[in-house]
Amino acid sequence: MKNYTIQVNGKSHEVNVPEDMPLLWVLRDIIGLKGTKYGCGQSLCGACTVHLNDEAVRSCTLPISSVGEKEVTTIEGLSENGDHPLQEAWTAYIVPQCGYCQTGQIMNAAALLKKNPDPKEEEIEQGMAGNLCRCGTYNRIKSAILSVSKSS
């Protein structure tokens, strides 16, 4: 066990955990933020996507020892009231069906738009390719992202 101080959603958290504990479990089980989901545990599905200094990362395999002083942002930190433009677009375009993967989808989309505020459809498809949706709402996801992009 080791003590870590991590910055999550603008707040400092002291945690005493094994150095190889995945960030996902620190967020969910230690800090109590339940929005980030466990999907596959192998960084293959994207359900656990969070931001590390504004970059989309898979938290299920990222050890807490790798976080350092970087800022972690979860779906809870994207917007205090759930009114981030992507969250509103997800509602407007009726993106979720089961909803399980959607927090990871939104976090990946937010990182994509931060890097490229005006993506083309192909760039959205490439940027979102690692996030899986068992319900197949990919066209609605793309439409929601396009509606928030600068070109809309």
C-alpha atoms as a PDB file:
ATOM      1  CA  MET A   1       0.000   0.000   0.000  1.00  0.00           C
ATOM      2  CA  LYS A   2       1.149   3.486  -0.800  1.00  0.00           C
ATOM      3  CA  ASN A   3      -0.246   6.983  -0.298  1.00  0.00           C
ATOM      4  CA  TYR A   4      -1.156   8.977  -3.402  1.00  0.00           C
ATOM      5  CA  THR A   5      -2.600  12.436  -3.775  1.00  0.00           C
ATOM      6  CA  ILE A   6      -4.545  12.705  -7.002  1.00  0.00           C
ATOM      7  CA  GLN A   7      -6.506  15.558  -8.545  1.00  0.00           C
ATOM      8  CA  VAL A   8      -9.959  14.436  -9.665  1.00  0.00           C
ATOM      9  CA  ASN A   9     -12.503  16.881 -11.067  1.00  0.00           C
ATOM     10  CA  GLY A  10     -10.643  19.797  -9.527  1.00  0.00           C
ATOM     11  CA  LYS A  11     -10.435  18.300  -6.030  1.00  0.00           C
ATOM     12  CA  SER A  12      -7.502  16.723  -4.257  1.00  0.00           C
ATOM     13  CA  HIS A  13      -7.942  13.168  -2.950  1.00  0.00           C
ATOM     14  CA  GLU A  14      -5.606  11.274  -0.628  1.00  0.00           C
ATOM     15  CA  VAL A  15      -5.757   7.536  -1.249  1.00  0.00           C
ATOM     16  CA  ASN A  16      -3.811   4.660   0.273  1.00  0.00           C
ATOM     17  CA  VAL A  17      -3.874   1.862  -2.289  1.00  0.00           C
ATOM     18  CA  PRO A  18      -1.573  -0.657  -3.978  1.00  0.00           C
ATOM     19  CA  GLU A  19       0.543   0.998  -6.681  1.00  0.00           C
ATOM     20  CA  ASP A  20      -0.833  -1.324  -9.361  1.00  0.00           C
ATOM     21  CA  MET A  21      -4.497  -0.644  -8.523  1.00  0.00           C
ATOM     22  CA  PRO A  22      -6.236   0.557 -11.697  1.00  0.00           C
ATOM     23  CA  LEU A  23      -7.445   4.150 -11.654  1.00  0.00           C
ATOM     24  CA  LEU A  24     -10.980   2.862 -12.363  1.00  0.00           C
ATOM     25  CA  TRP A  25     -11.172   1.136  -8.974  1.00  0.00           C
ATOM     26  CA  VAL A  26      -9.668   4.135  -7.182  1.00  0.00           C
ATOM     27  CA  LEU A  27     -12.360   6.337  -8.752  1.00  0.00           C
ATOM     28  CA  ARG A  28     -15.258   3.958  -8.108  1.00  0.00           C
ATOM     29  CA  ASP A  29     -14.382   2.099  -4.912  1.00  0.00           C
ATOM     30  CA  ILE A  30     -12.138   4.508  -3.018  1.00  0.00           C
ATOM     31  CA  ILE A  31     -13.362   7.979  -4.065  1.00  0.00           C
ATOM     32  CA  GLY A  32     -16.963   6.898  -4.769  1.00  0.00           C
ATOM     33  CA  LEU A  33     -17.439   8.266  -8.300  1.00  0.00           C
ATOM     34  CA  LYS A  34     -19.677   5.695  -9.997  1.00  0.00           C
ATOM     35  CA  GLY A  35     -20.081   7.327 -13.434  1.00  0.00           C
ATOM     36  CA  THR A  36     -17.001   5.657 -14.907  1.00  0.00           C
ATOM     37  CA  LYS A  37     -17.940   2.098 -15.836  1.00  0.00           C
ATOM     38  CA  TYR A  38     -16.129  -1.222 -15.866  1.00  0.00           C
ATOM     39  CA  GLY A  39     -16.537  -2.900 -19.230  1.00  0.00           C
ATOM     40  CA  CYS A  40     -13.834  -5.354 -20.212  1.00  0.00           C
ATOM     41  CA  GLY A  41     -10.906  -4.711 -17.877  1.00  0.00           C
ATOM     42  CA  GLN A  42      -8.498  -4.832 -20.831  1.00  0.00           C
ATOM     43  CA  SER A  43      -8.760  -1.338 -22.385  1.00  0.00           C
ATOM     44  CA  LEU A  44     -10.687  -2.755 -25.340  1.00  0.00           C
ATOM     45  CA  CYS A  45     -14.213  -1.320 -24.997  1.00  0.00           C
ATOM     46  CA  GLY A  46     -13.824   2.262 -23.733  1.00  0.00           C
ATOM     47  CA  ALA A  47     -16.551   2.156 -21.063  1.00  0.00           C
ATOM     48  CA  CYS A  48     -13.955   3.258 -18.492  1.00  0.00           C
ATOM     49  CA  THR A  49     -12.702   6.297 -20.442  1.00  0.00           C
ATOM     50  CA  VAL A  50     -11.693   9.322 -18.383  1.00  0.00           C
ATOM     51  CA  HIS A  51      -9.455  12.306 -19.129  1.00  0.00           C
ATOM     52  CA  LEU A  52      -5.896  12.567 -17.900  1.00  0.00           C
ATOM     53  CA  ASN A  53      -4.802  16.165 -18.573  1.00  0.00           C
ATOM     54  CA  ASP A  54      -7.551  16.387 -21.223  1.00  0.00           C
ATOM     55  CA  GLU A  55      -6.432  13.189 -23.004  1.00  0.00           C
ATOM     56  CA  ALA A  56      -8.852  10.260 -23.188  1.00  0.00           C
ATOM     57  CA  VAL A  57      -7.420   7.239 -21.340  1.00  0.00           C
ATOM     58  CA  ARG A  58      -8.743   3.852 -20.314  1.00  0.00           C
ATOM     59  CA  SER A  59      -8.869   3.799 -16.536  1.00  0.00           C
ATOM     60  CA  CYS A  60      -9.354   0.030 -16.182  1.00  0.00           C
ATOM     61  CA  THR A  61      -5.696  -0.744 -16.900  1.00  0.00           C
ATOM     62  CA  LEU A  62      -3.996   2.523 -15.922  1.00  0.00           C
ATOM     63  CA  PRO A  63      -2.273   1.958 -12.579  1.00  0.00           C
ATOM     64  CA  ILE A  64      -2.688   4.681  -9.980  1.00  0.00           C
ATOM     65  CA  SER A  65       1.110   4.946  -9.848  1.00  0.00           C
ATOM     66  CA  SER A  66       1.047   6.322 -13.419  1.00  0.00           C
ATOM     67  CA  VAL A  67      -1.279   9.223 -12.659  1.00  0.00           C
ATOM     68  CA  GLY A  68       1.241  11.386 -10.825  1.00  0.00           C
ATOM     69  CA  GLU A  69       0.226  15.057 -10.695  1.00  0.00           C
ATOM     70  CA  LYS A  70      -1.958  14.904 -13.792  1.00  0.00           C
ATOM     71  CA  GLU A  71      -5.560  16.098 -13.558  1.00  0.00           C
ATOM     72  CA  VAL A  72      -8.194  13.349 -13.821  1.00  0.00           C
ATOM     73  CA  THR A  73     -11.613  14.306 -15.161  1.00  0.00           C
ATOM     74  CA  THR A  74     -14.526  11.891 -14.967  1.00  0.00           C
ATOM     75  CA  ILE A  75     -18.035  12.216 -16.380  1.00  0.00           C
ATOM     76  CA  GLU A  76     -19.027  13.820 -13.060  1.00  0.00           C
ATOM     77  CA  GLY A  77     -16.406  16.524 -13.651  1.00  0.00           C
ATOM     78  CA  LEU A  78     -17.305  17.232 -17.266  1.00  0.00           C
ATOM     79  CA  SER A  79     -20.178  19.421 -16.103  1.00  0.00           C
ATOM     80  CA  GLU A  80     -21.562  20.129 -12.646  1.00  0.00           C
ATOM     81  CA  ASN A  81     -25.170  19.967 -13.820  1.00  0.00           C
ATOM     82  CA  GLY A  82     -24.936  17.496 -16.685  1.00  0.00           C
ATOM     83  CA  ASP A  83     -25.359  20.360 -19.129  1.00  0.00           C
ATOM     84  CA  HIS A  84     -22.160  19.965 -21.122  1.00  0.00           C
ATOM     85  CA  PRO A  85     -22.993  20.458 -24.832  1.00  0.00           C
ATOM     86  CA  LEU A  86     -22.196  16.801 -25.546  1.00  0.00           C
ATOM     87  CA  GLN A  87     -24.471  15.612 -22.745  1.00  0.00           C
ATOM     88  CA  GLU A  88     -27.253  17.783 -24.115  1.00  0.00           C
ATOM     89  CA  ALA A  89     -26.609  16.500 -27.652  1.00  0.00           C
ATOM     90  CA  TRP A  90     -26.723  12.904 -26.365  1.00  0.00           C
ATOM     91  CA  THR A  91     -30.222  13.628 -25.053  1.00  0.00           C
ATOM     92  CA  ALA A  92     -31.339  15.547 -28.153  1.00  0.00           C
ATOM     93  CA  TYR A  93     -30.198  12.762 -30.494  1.00  0.00           C
ATOM     94  CA  ILE A  94     -31.534  10.017 -28.214  1.00  0.00           C
ATOM     95  CA  VAL A  95     -28.122   8.340 -28.253  1.00  0.00           C
ATOM     96  CA  PRO A  96     -28.356   5.932 -25.302  1.00  0.00           C
ATOM     97  CA  GLN A  97     -30.284   2.721 -25.419  1.00  0.00           C
ATOM     98  CA  CYS A  98     -28.977   0.658 -22.511  1.00  0.00           C
ATOM     99  CA  GLY A  99     -26.644   3.572 -21.680  1.00  0.00           C
ATOM    100  CA  TYR A 100     -23.851   1.502 -20.167  1.00  0.00           C
ATOM    101  CA  CYS A 101     -21.082   2.657 -22.516  1.00  0.00           C
ATOM    102  CA  GLN A 102     -22.272   6.224 -22.828  1.00  0.00           C
ATOM    103  CA  THR A 103     -20.127   7.880 -20.165  1.00  0.00           C
ATOM    104  CA  GLY A 104     -17.039   6.494 -21.893  1.00  0.00           C
ATOM    105  CA  GLN A 105     -18.409   7.563 -25.268  1.00  0.00           C
ATOM    106  CA  ILE A 106     -19.034  11.121 -24.042  1.00  0.00           C
ATOM    107  CA  MET A 107     -15.608  11.393 -22.406  1.00  0.00           C
ATOM    108  CA  ASN A 108     -13.893  10.168 -25.573  1.00  0.00           C
ATOM    109  CA  ALA A 109     -15.963  12.564 -27.700  1.00  0.00           C
ATOM    110  CA  ALA A 110     -15.086  15.487 -25.406  1.00  0.00           C
ATOM    111  CA  ALA A 111     -11.359  14.738 -25.748  1.00  0.00           C
ATOM    112  CA  LEU A 112     -11.761  14.395 -29.523  1.00  0.00           C
ATOM    113  CA  LEU A 113     -13.487  17.783 -29.798  1.00  0.00           C
ATOM    114  CA  LYS A 114     -10.897  19.429 -27.568  1.00  0.00           C
ATOM    115  CA  LYS A 115      -8.163  18.306 -29.998  1.00  0.00           C
ATOM    116  CA  ASN A 116     -10.217  18.880 -33.125  1.00  0.00           C
ATOM    117  CA  PRO A 117     -13.214  21.221 -32.650  1.00  0.00           C
ATOM    118  CA  ASP A 118     -14.340  20.752 -36.257  1.00  0.00           C
ATOM    119  CA  PRO A 119     -13.933  17.065 -37.131  1.00  0.00           C
ATOM    120  CA  LYS A 120     -15.130  15.527 -40.367  1.00  0.00           C
ATOM    121  CA  GLU A 121     -17.319  12.418 -40.196  1.00  0.00           C
ATOM    122  CA  GLU A 122     -14.336  10.171 -40.953  1.00  0.00           C
ATOM    123  CA  GLU A 123     -12.313  11.796 -38.167  1.00  0.00           C
ATOM    124  CA  ILE A 124     -15.138  11.178 -35.716  1.00  0.00           C
ATOM    125  CA  GLU A 125     -15.345   7.549 -36.807  1.00  0.00           C
ATOM    126  CA  GLN A 126     -11.590   7.136 -36.364  1.00  0.00           C
ATOM    127  CA  GLY A 127     -11.505   8.999 -33.058  1.00  0.00           C
ATOM    128  CA  MET A 128     -14.389   7.023 -31.593  1.00  0.00           C
ATOM    129  CA  ALA A 129     -13.413   3.620 -33.029  1.00  0.00           C
ATOM    130  CA  GLY A 130     -12.085   2.279 -29.717  1.00  0.00           C
ATOM    131  CA  ASN A 131     -15.351   2.856 -27.867  1.00  0.00           C
ATOM    132  CA  LEU A 132     -17.759  -0.014 -28.314  1.00  0.00           C
ATOM    133  CA  CYS A 133     -21.538   0.214 -28.103  1.00  0.00           C
ATOM    134  CA  ARG A 134     -23.320  -3.120 -27.933  1.00  0.00           C
ATOM    135  CA  CYS A 135     -26.579  -1.399 -28.862  1.00  0.00           C
ATOM    136  CA  GLY A 136     -25.065  -0.047 -32.080  1.00  0.00           C
ATOM    137  CA  THR A 137     -25.906   3.629 -31.652  1.00  0.00           C
ATOM    138  CA  TYR A 138     -22.855   4.717 -33.648  1.00  0.00           C
ATOM    139  CA  ASN A 139     -24.778   6.842 -36.164  1.00  0.00           C
ATOM    140  CA  ARG A 140     -26.532   8.753 -33.377  1.00  0.00           C
ATOM    141  CA  ILE A 141     -23.206   9.187 -31.554  1.00  0.00           C
ATOM    142  CA  LYS A 142     -21.681  10.647 -34.710  1.00  0.00           C
ATOM    143  CA  SER A 143     -24.673  12.945 -35.258  1.00  0.00           C
ATOM    144  CA  ALA A 144     -24.500  14.195 -31.671  1.00  0.00           C
ATOM    145  CA  ILE A 145     -20.773  14.939 -31.979  1.00  0.00           C
ATOM    146  CA  LEU A 146     -21.282  16.704 -35.300  1.00  0.00           C
ATOM    147  CA  SER A 147     -24.026  18.850 -33.763  1.00  0.00           C
ATOM    148  CA  VAL A 148     -21.585  20.098 -31.114  1.00  0.00           C
ATOM    149  CA  SER A 149     -18.662  20.625 -33.477  1.00  0.00           C
ATOM    150  CA  LYS A 150     -17.705  24.111 -34.691  1.00  0.00           C
ATOM    151  CA  SER A 151     -19.126  23.477 -38.161  1.00  0.00           C
ATOM    152  CA  SER A 152     -22.650  22.925 -36.869  1.00  0.00           C
END
